C-alpha cells in the first residue's frame, strides 16, 4: 500500500518526443481544410479528437482521418502548446 501512495504523490515528468514540426503543421493544415470544406467547425472537431482519441471527430474527406492518425496525439498537443508559448514569448 505504501508503494501505491508513493506513486500517487510522485510527479510524472513528460518527455517530449522529438519530431519533425513541419509534419505536424502540414497535417493539421490539411485536416483543418478538410473539416472546413465539409462544413464542420475545425477547432471543435480537432479538440474533440485530441481530448477523446476518437477519430470519428475527423472527417475522412481528403484523407484527413488517415493523415491525423499518422501522428501521436501527444505529439500534436506538444506542438500546439510549444507554438502558443513561443508566440506569447514564454
N, C-alpha and C. Protein backbone atom coordinates (compact mmCIF):
# COMPACT_ATOMS: atom_id res chain seq x y z
N UNK A 1 0.82 -1.20 0.00
CA UNK A 1 0.00 0.00 0.00
C UNK A 1 0.86 1.25 0.00
N UNK A 2 2.02 1.20 0.64
CA UNK A 2 2.92 2.34 0.69
C UNK A 2 3.44 2.70 -0.69
N UNK A 3 3.76 1.69 -1.51
CA UNK A 3 4.23 1.94 -2.88
C UNK A 3 3.16 2.66 -3.69
N UNK A 4 1.91 2.29 -3.48
CA UNK A 4 0.82 2.93 -4.19
C UNK A 4 0.72 4.41 -3.82
N UNK A 5 0.82 4.72 -2.55
CA UNK A 5 0.78 6.11 -2.11
C UNK A 5 1.95 6.90 -2.67
N UNK A 6 3.13 6.28 -2.70
CA UNK A 6 4.31 6.95 -3.27
C UNK A 6 4.09 7.27 -4.74
N UNK A 7 3.48 6.35 -5.46
CA UNK A 7 3.22 6.57 -6.89
C UNK A 7 2.21 7.69 -7.10
N UNK A 8 1.21 7.77 -6.24
CA UNK A 8 0.19 8.82 -6.36
C UNK A 8 0.81 10.18 -6.09
N UNK A 9 1.71 10.26 -5.13
CA UNK A 9 2.32 11.53 -4.73
C UNK A 9 3.43 11.98 -5.68
N UNK A 10 3.98 11.08 -6.44
CA UNK A 10 5.09 11.40 -7.33
C UNK A 10 4.61 12.18 -8.55
N UNK A 11 5.34 13.20 -8.93
CA UNK A 11 5.03 13.97 -10.14
C UNK A 11 5.71 13.32 -11.32
N UNK A 12 4.94 13.07 -12.35
CA UNK A 12 5.49 12.48 -13.56
C UNK A 12 6.15 13.56 -14.40
N UNK A 13 7.24 13.23 -15.04
CA UNK A 13 7.92 14.16 -15.92
C UNK A 13 7.65 13.72 -17.35
N UNK A 14 7.09 14.63 -18.14
CA UNK A 14 6.77 14.32 -19.54
C UNK A 14 7.97 14.66 -20.40
N UNK A 15 8.40 13.71 -21.18
CA UNK A 15 9.49 13.92 -22.13
C UNK A 15 8.90 14.04 -23.53
N UNK A 16 9.06 15.20 -24.13
CA UNK A 16 8.54 15.42 -25.46
C UNK A 16 9.29 14.56 -26.46
N UNK A 17 8.56 14.00 -27.39
CA UNK A 17 9.18 13.22 -28.45
C UNK A 17 9.67 14.17 -29.53
N UNK A 18 10.92 13.98 -29.90
CA UNK A 18 11.46 14.80 -30.97
C UNK A 18 10.77 14.39 -32.27
N UNK A 19 10.47 15.35 -33.06
CA UNK A 19 9.80 15.04 -34.32
C UNK A 19 9.92 16.20 -35.27
N UNK A 20 9.47 15.95 -36.45
CA UNK A 20 9.51 16.98 -37.48
C UNK A 20 8.31 17.89 -37.28
N UNK A 21 8.56 19.09 -36.79
CA UNK A 21 7.49 20.05 -36.50
C UNK A 21 6.70 20.36 -37.76
N UNK A 22 7.37 20.47 -38.88
CA UNK A 22 6.66 20.82 -40.11
C UNK A 22 5.66 19.74 -40.51
N UNK A 23 5.91 18.49 -40.15
CA UNK A 23 4.96 17.42 -40.45
C UNK A 23 3.65 17.64 -39.68
N UNK A 24 3.75 18.02 -38.42
CA UNK A 24 2.57 18.29 -37.61
C UNK A 24 1.79 19.45 -38.21
N UNK A 25 2.49 20.53 -38.53
CA UNK A 25 1.83 21.70 -39.11
C UNK A 25 1.16 21.36 -40.43
N UNK A 26 1.84 20.61 -41.25
CA UNK A 26 1.30 20.23 -42.56
C UNK A 26 0.03 19.40 -42.40
N UNK A 27 0.08 18.41 -41.54
CA UNK A 27 -1.08 17.53 -41.34
C UNK A 27 -2.24 18.30 -40.72
N UNK A 28 -1.98 19.13 -39.71
CA UNK A 28 -3.07 19.90 -39.11
C UNK A 28 -3.70 20.85 -40.12
N UNK A 29 -2.90 21.41 -41.00
CA UNK A 29 -3.43 22.30 -42.03
C UNK A 29 -4.34 21.53 -42.98
N UNK A 30 -3.92 20.36 -43.39
CA UNK A 30 -4.75 19.52 -44.28
C UNK A 30 -6.06 19.12 -43.60
N UNK A 31 -5.96 18.72 -42.35
CA UNK A 31 -7.15 18.31 -41.60
C UNK A 31 -8.10 19.50 -41.44
N UNK A 32 -7.55 20.64 -41.08
CA UNK A 32 -8.34 21.87 -40.93
C UNK A 32 -9.11 22.18 -42.22
N UNK A 33 -8.41 22.16 -43.34
CA UNK A 33 -9.05 22.48 -44.63
C UNK A 33 -10.14 21.48 -44.98
N UNK A 34 -9.90 20.21 -44.71
CA UNK A 34 -10.91 19.20 -45.00
C UNK A 34 -12.16 19.41 -44.14
N UNK A 35 -11.96 19.75 -42.87
CA UNK A 35 -13.10 19.99 -41.98
C UNK A 35 -13.90 21.21 -42.43
N UNK A 36 -13.22 22.27 -42.82
CA UNK A 36 -13.90 23.47 -43.32
C UNK A 36 -14.70 23.14 -44.57
N UNK A 37 -14.10 22.41 -45.49
CA UNK A 37 -14.79 22.05 -46.74
C UNK A 37 -16.06 21.25 -46.48
N UNK A 38 -16.05 20.45 -45.43
CA UNK A 38 -17.23 19.64 -45.11
C UNK A 38 -18.22 20.38 -44.21
N UNK A 39 -17.91 21.62 -43.83
CA UNK A 39 -18.84 22.42 -43.05
C UNK A 39 -18.75 22.26 -41.55
N UNK A 40 -17.70 21.63 -41.06
CA UNK A 40 -17.51 21.46 -39.62
C UNK A 40 -16.75 22.64 -39.03
N UNK A 41 -16.91 22.83 -37.73
CA UNK A 41 -16.07 23.79 -37.01
C UNK A 41 -14.76 23.08 -36.71
N UNK A 42 -13.67 23.45 -37.39
CA UNK A 42 -12.42 22.70 -37.25
C UNK A 42 -11.85 22.71 -35.83
N UNK A 43 -12.00 23.82 -35.12
CA UNK A 43 -11.48 23.88 -33.75
C UNK A 43 -12.19 22.85 -32.87
N UNK A 44 -13.51 22.85 -32.91
CA UNK A 44 -14.27 21.90 -32.10
C UNK A 44 -13.92 20.45 -32.45
N UNK A 45 -13.81 20.17 -33.73
CA UNK A 45 -13.56 18.79 -34.16
C UNK A 45 -12.15 18.33 -33.77
N UNK A 46 -11.16 19.19 -33.96
CA UNK A 46 -9.79 18.82 -33.62
C UNK A 46 -9.63 18.66 -32.12
N UNK A 47 -10.22 19.57 -31.35
CA UNK A 47 -10.17 19.45 -29.89
C UNK A 47 -10.88 18.17 -29.44
N UNK A 48 -12.02 17.87 -30.03
CA UNK A 48 -12.73 16.64 -29.70
C UNK A 48 -11.86 15.42 -29.94
N UNK A 49 -11.17 15.41 -31.06
CA UNK A 49 -10.26 14.29 -31.36
C UNK A 49 -9.12 14.21 -30.36
N UNK A 50 -8.49 15.35 -30.08
CA UNK A 50 -7.35 15.35 -29.17
C UNK A 50 -7.74 14.94 -27.75
N UNK A 51 -8.91 15.35 -27.31
CA UNK A 51 -9.36 15.02 -25.95
C UNK A 51 -9.79 13.56 -25.82
N UNK A 52 -10.46 13.05 -26.84
CA UNK A 52 -11.04 11.71 -26.73
C UNK A 52 -10.23 10.61 -27.40
N UNK A 53 -9.48 10.98 -28.42
CA UNK A 53 -8.78 9.96 -29.21
C UNK A 53 -9.67 9.29 -30.23
N UNK A 54 -10.92 9.72 -30.31
CA UNK A 54 -11.87 9.11 -31.25
C UNK A 54 -11.70 9.74 -32.63
N UNK A 55 -11.23 8.97 -33.60
CA UNK A 55 -11.00 9.51 -34.94
C UNK A 55 -12.28 9.92 -35.67
N UNK A 56 -13.45 9.55 -35.13
CA UNK A 56 -14.71 9.94 -35.77
C UNK A 56 -14.92 11.45 -35.75
N UNK A 57 -14.18 12.17 -34.92
CA UNK A 57 -14.27 13.63 -34.91
C UNK A 57 -13.66 14.24 -36.18
N UNK A 58 -12.84 13.49 -36.86
CA UNK A 58 -12.15 13.98 -38.06
C UNK A 58 -12.79 13.36 -39.29
N UNK A 59 -13.12 14.19 -40.25
CA UNK A 59 -13.74 13.71 -41.47
C UNK A 59 -12.77 12.83 -42.27
N UNK A 60 -13.33 11.94 -43.05
CA UNK A 60 -12.49 11.14 -43.94
C UNK A 60 -12.25 11.87 -45.26
N UNK A 61 -12.92 13.00 -45.44
CA UNK A 61 -12.76 13.82 -46.65
C UNK A 61 -11.28 14.20 -46.81
N UNK A 62 -10.79 14.10 -48.00
CA UNK A 62 -9.39 14.42 -48.33
C UNK A 62 -8.40 13.60 -47.52
N UNK A 63 -8.85 12.43 -47.07
CA UNK A 63 -8.00 11.50 -46.32
C UNK A 63 -7.53 12.08 -44.98
N UNK A 64 -8.29 13.04 -44.43
CA UNK A 64 -7.88 13.74 -43.22
C UNK A 64 -7.77 12.81 -42.01
N UNK A 65 -8.70 11.86 -41.90
CA UNK A 65 -8.67 10.95 -40.75
C UNK A 65 -7.42 10.08 -40.76
N UNK A 66 -7.05 9.61 -41.92
CA UNK A 66 -5.84 8.80 -42.04
C UNK A 66 -4.60 9.65 -41.73
N UNK A 67 -4.59 10.87 -42.24
CA UNK A 67 -3.44 11.75 -42.02
C UNK A 67 -3.24 12.04 -40.53
N UNK A 68 -4.31 12.44 -39.84
CA UNK A 68 -4.16 12.83 -38.44
C UNK A 68 -3.75 11.64 -37.57
N UNK A 69 -4.13 10.45 -37.96
CA UNK A 69 -3.77 9.27 -37.17
C UNK A 69 -2.33 8.84 -37.39
N UNK A 70 -1.64 9.45 -38.34
CA UNK A 70 -0.21 9.19 -38.52
C UNK A 70 0.61 9.78 -37.38
N UNK A 71 0.02 10.74 -36.66
CA UNK A 71 0.71 11.42 -35.57
C UNK A 71 0.16 10.95 -34.23
N UNK A 72 1.01 10.85 -33.25
CA UNK A 72 0.56 10.58 -31.88
C UNK A 72 -0.13 11.84 -31.37
N UNK A 73 -1.22 11.67 -30.64
CA UNK A 73 -1.94 12.83 -30.11
C UNK A 73 -1.06 13.68 -29.21
N UNK A 74 -0.20 13.04 -28.40
CA UNK A 74 0.66 13.83 -27.51
C UNK A 74 1.65 14.67 -28.30
N UNK A 75 2.05 14.21 -29.47
CA UNK A 75 2.94 14.99 -30.32
C UNK A 75 2.23 16.23 -30.86
N UNK A 76 0.97 16.08 -31.24
CA UNK A 76 0.19 17.23 -31.72
C UNK A 76 0.01 18.25 -30.59
N UNK A 77 -0.37 17.77 -29.41
CA UNK A 77 -0.58 18.66 -28.27
C UNK A 77 0.72 19.36 -27.91
N UNK A 78 1.81 18.63 -27.90
CA UNK A 78 3.11 19.22 -27.60
C UNK A 78 3.42 20.37 -28.56
N UNK A 79 3.20 20.14 -29.83
CA UNK A 79 3.49 21.17 -30.82
C UNK A 79 2.56 22.38 -30.68
N UNK A 80 1.29 22.14 -30.40
CA UNK A 80 0.36 23.25 -30.21
C UNK A 80 0.74 24.10 -29.01
N UNK A 81 1.06 23.46 -27.90
CA UNK A 81 1.44 24.21 -26.69
C UNK A 81 2.75 24.94 -26.92
N UNK A 82 3.73 24.28 -27.50
CA UNK A 82 5.03 24.91 -27.76
C UNK A 82 4.85 26.14 -28.65
N UNK A 83 4.09 26.02 -29.71
CA UNK A 83 3.87 27.14 -30.62
C UNK A 83 3.18 28.29 -29.92
N UNK A 84 2.17 28.00 -29.12
CA UNK A 84 1.45 29.03 -28.39
C UNK A 84 2.40 29.77 -27.44
N UNK A 85 3.16 29.02 -26.67
CA UNK A 85 4.06 29.63 -25.69
C UNK A 85 5.14 30.47 -26.38
N UNK A 86 5.65 30.00 -27.49
CA UNK A 86 6.66 30.77 -28.24
C UNK A 86 6.07 32.07 -28.76
N UNK A 87 4.85 32.02 -29.25
CA UNK A 87 4.19 33.24 -29.76
C UNK A 87 3.93 34.24 -28.64
N UNK A 88 3.71 33.73 -27.43
CA UNK A 88 3.48 34.60 -26.29
C UNK A 88 4.79 35.07 -25.67
N UNK A 89 5.90 34.60 -26.20
CA UNK A 89 7.21 35.00 -25.69
C UNK A 89 7.57 34.34 -24.36
N UNK A 90 6.98 33.19 -24.10
CA UNK A 90 7.24 32.50 -22.83
C UNK A 90 8.25 31.39 -23.00
